[in-house]
Structure formats: C-alpha cells, structure tokens
Amino acid sequence: MSPLRRRLTWINGSTLVGLAIARAAAGKRLRTPEGVIVAGNYRLSVPKQKCFTVGAVIMTRTEPEWLLAPERAELLAHEMRHVGQYAVLGPLFFPAYWVACGWSYLLTRSYGARNVFERRAGLHAGGYRERPLRPWAAKASTLMGRPRS
C-alpha cells in the first residue's frame, strides 16, 4: 500500500467516513505498518461480511488482531486493495460498488462473483466464490462472442 493512496483517501474524505463508522459501531482500533486502520468488534448487522473497508479503515467483526494474524495475510491484502480503490474513486466508490453488486447479482445471484471491485481485489482472498452465469446471461455472452463462464 503506497502512502500516496492512503493520503488520497484522507483528501477525498473516505477515510473520515470510515473513522466515523468505526467510532460509532466498532471498538478497538489498530494501525497497520502501512498506516491503514483496522477497527475491530464491528457490531452493526450490515454489511454481513466479516470484514469491509471504508477509505483507509478496515472494519472487522472480530478483534483487530484477528485480521492482522499472518494466516489472514490474503484477506488483509484483499481489503488493502479496496483502500486503493477508495483512493481512486473517493466518495464515488459507494455508488459504483453498489451498482457492481447489482450487476453481479443480476448475472449470477451473487453480489460478489461478478463485482469488478471484488474481482480486482482478489475474489477468493475476500471469501467470494466464482459462480456460473445465469442461463440467459451465458447465452447472451455466447451470442456476443465471449466465452461462457
């Protein structure tokens, strides 16, 4: 994670939003060596994921140390990639992400399988699985000359 990306999340305000959410709905906070904040014990019911990111703040439903453990390095890297996405899109990340969730659900009945943000962050590292296209989407893909998947 480059310091520039982290700084951009402060400049575009997304980290301030993340800190406000963490203050309202999470407990203990730790800082990674890269300067990203991990807020543990997130207690709201949405989103359902075990971890999610807002700006340069990663929320987790467990203790922050859980996410920082070496055996979860892939998941942490996945969430760090989302920090980079916030650096580029800033507040536009929120609507763009939800449009991507809707598109993915439309194609696969999964909010993550075809979500461009989850795919670029590392689908499997984030706990998402590949899902087949719905029959109509597979047929449309074939008609457009793209391989079915």
Protein backbone atom coordinates (compact mmCIF):
# COMPACT_ATOMS: atom_id res chain seq x y z
CA MET A 1 0.00 0.00 0.00
CA SER A 2 1.58 3.22 -1.08
CA PRO A 3 1.49 6.22 1.28
CA LEU A 4 0.06 8.26 -1.61
CA ARG A 5 -3.02 6.03 -1.85
CA ARG A 6 -3.58 6.26 1.89
CA ARG A 7 -3.22 10.05 1.76
CA LEU A 8 -5.68 10.26 -1.13
CA THR A 9 -8.32 8.53 0.99
CA TRP A 10 -7.86 11.28 3.58
CA ILE A 11 -8.04 14.01 0.95
CA ASN A 12 -11.17 12.63 -0.70
CA GLY A 13 -12.89 12.20 2.68
CA SER A 14 -13.49 8.45 2.51
CA THR A 15 -11.22 7.72 5.48
CA LEU A 16 -13.07 10.33 7.56
CA VAL A 17 -16.31 8.46 6.80
CA GLY A 18 -14.61 5.18 7.75
CA LEU A 19 -13.42 6.64 11.04
CA ALA A 20 -16.91 7.96 11.83
CA ILE A 21 -18.36 4.50 11.21
CA ALA A 22 -15.63 2.90 13.32
CA ARG A 23 -16.24 5.33 16.15
CA ALA A 24 -20.00 4.68 16.10
CA ALA A 25 -20.03 0.93 15.52
CA ALA A 26 -16.67 -0.62 16.33
CA GLY A 27 -14.33 -0.95 19.27
CA LYS A 28 -10.58 -1.26 19.43
CA ARG A 29 -8.56 0.22 16.57
CA LEU A 30 -5.05 -0.71 15.47
CA ARG A 31 -2.86 0.75 12.75
CA THR A 32 -1.06 -1.49 10.25
CA PRO A 33 2.59 -0.77 9.35
CA GLU A 34 1.22 0.78 6.12
CA GLY A 35 -0.91 3.23 8.16
CA VAL A 36 -4.28 1.62 7.48
CA ILE A 37 -6.60 1.44 10.49
CA VAL A 38 -8.22 -1.88 11.47
CA ALA A 39 -11.31 -1.35 13.64
CA GLY A 40 -12.42 -4.45 15.50
CA ASN A 41 -15.65 -5.69 17.02
CA TYR A 42 -17.88 -4.03 14.41
CA ARG A 43 -21.40 -4.54 15.74
CA LEU A 44 -23.94 -3.42 13.13
CA SER A 45 -25.81 -6.08 11.15
CA VAL A 46 -24.92 -4.65 7.74
CA PRO A 47 -22.94 -5.43 5.79
CA LYS A 48 -22.91 -9.14 6.58
CA GLN A 49 -19.25 -9.73 5.61
CA LYS A 50 -16.70 -10.48 8.31
CA CYS A 51 -14.60 -7.53 7.04
CA PHE A 52 -15.22 -4.48 4.89
CA THR A 53 -13.35 -1.30 4.06
CA VAL A 54 -14.27 2.38 4.01
CA GLY A 55 -11.42 4.64 2.93
CA ALA A 56 -8.29 3.53 4.79
CA VAL A 57 -10.32 1.93 7.60
CA ILE A 58 -10.97 -1.80 7.61
CA MET A 59 -13.81 -2.94 9.85
CA THR A 60 -13.93 -6.48 11.21
CA ARG A 61 -16.47 -8.22 13.42
CA THR A 62 -13.63 -9.78 15.44
CA GLU A 63 -10.71 -8.32 17.34
CA PRO A 64 -8.41 -6.33 15.02
CA GLU A 65 -5.56 -8.72 15.82
CA TRP A 66 -7.57 -11.48 14.11
CA LEU A 67 -7.24 -9.75 10.73
CA LEU A 68 -3.58 -8.88 11.33
CA ALA A 69 -2.58 -12.50 12.02
CA PRO A 70 -0.19 -13.99 9.41
CA GLU A 71 -2.68 -16.69 8.41
CA ARG A 72 -5.06 -13.97 7.20
CA ALA A 73 -2.49 -12.13 5.06
CA GLU A 74 -4.51 -12.79 1.87
CA LEU A 75 -7.70 -11.35 3.37
CA LEU A 76 -5.81 -8.30 4.65
CA ALA A 77 -4.27 -7.83 1.20
CA HIS A 78 -7.75 -8.06 -0.34
CA GLU A 79 -9.03 -5.31 1.98
CA MET A 80 -5.91 -3.21 1.29
CA ARG A 81 -6.73 -3.37 -2.43
CA HIS A 82 -10.10 -1.84 -1.58
CA VAL A 83 -8.22 1.02 0.12
CA GLY A 84 -6.54 1.64 -3.25
CA GLN A 85 -9.94 1.63 -4.96
CA TYR A 86 -11.18 4.27 -2.49
CA ALA A 87 -8.05 6.32 -3.23
CA VAL A 88 -9.01 6.45 -6.91
CA LEU A 89 -12.79 6.85 -6.62
CA GLY A 90 -13.25 8.55 -3.25
CA PRO A 91 -16.92 9.00 -2.38
CA LEU A 92 -17.88 7.68 -5.83
CA PHE A 93 -16.77 4.25 -4.62
CA PHE A 94 -20.03 3.80 -2.66
CA PRO A 95 -22.47 4.09 -5.61
CA ALA A 96 -20.07 2.38 -8.03
CA TYR A 97 -19.66 -0.57 -5.66
CA TRP A 98 -23.42 -0.99 -5.21
CA VAL A 99 -24.01 -0.82 -8.97
CA ALA A 100 -21.33 -3.52 -9.34
CA CYS A 101 -23.11 -5.61 -6.67
CA GLY A 102 -26.41 -5.26 -8.55
CA TRP A 103 -24.79 -6.21 -11.86
CA SER A 104 -23.14 -9.23 -10.27
CA TYR A 105 -26.40 -10.35 -8.67
CA LEU A 106 -28.26 -9.90 -11.94
CA LEU A 107 -25.73 -12.13 -13.74
CA THR A 108 -25.03 -14.76 -11.06
CA ARG A 109 -27.29 -14.40 -7.98
CA SER A 110 -24.15 -13.44 -6.05
CA TYR A 111 -23.23 -9.90 -5.03
CA GLY A 112 -19.51 -10.62 -5.32
CA ALA A 113 -18.87 -13.13 -8.13
CA ARG A 114 -19.04 -10.61 -10.99
CA ASN A 115 -18.42 -7.46 -8.96
CA VAL A 116 -15.48 -5.76 -10.65
CA PHE A 117 -14.23 -4.33 -7.34
CA GLU A 118 -14.21 -7.72 -5.62
CA ARG A 119 -12.61 -9.40 -8.62
CA ARG A 120 -9.81 -6.80 -8.77
CA ALA A 121 -9.26 -7.06 -5.02
CA GLY A 122 -8.91 -10.85 -5.31
CA LEU A 123 -12.22 -12.69 -5.33
CA HIS A 124 -11.12 -15.79 -3.43
CA ALA A 125 -8.95 -13.88 -0.97
CA GLY A 126 -12.05 -11.89 0.02
CA GLY A 127 -14.05 -15.05 0.65
CA TYR A 128 -16.07 -14.90 -2.58
CA ARG A 129 -16.54 -17.78 -4.98
CA GLU A 130 -16.84 -17.92 -8.74
CA ARG A 131 -20.44 -18.51 -9.71
CA PRO A 132 -21.78 -19.55 -13.10
CA LEU A 133 -23.68 -17.05 -15.17
CA ARG A 134 -27.46 -17.39 -15.14
CA PRO A 135 -28.64 -19.21 -18.28
CA TRP A 136 -29.85 -16.04 -20.03
CA ALA A 137 -26.54 -14.26 -19.28
CA ALA A 138 -24.48 -17.23 -20.50
CA LYS A 139 -26.50 -17.29 -23.72
CA ALA A 140 -26.06 -13.54 -24.20
CA SER A 141 -22.33 -13.88 -23.56
CA THR A 142 -22.08 -16.61 -26.19
CA LEU A 143 -24.03 -14.53 -28.68
CA MET A 144 -21.61 -11.65 -28.14
CA GLY A 145 -18.67 -13.95 -28.89
CA ARG A 146 -17.41 -14.16 -25.31
CA PRO A 147 -16.60 -17.45 -23.64
CA ARG A 148 -19.17 -18.78 -21.20
CA SER A 149 -18.11 -18.62 -17.58
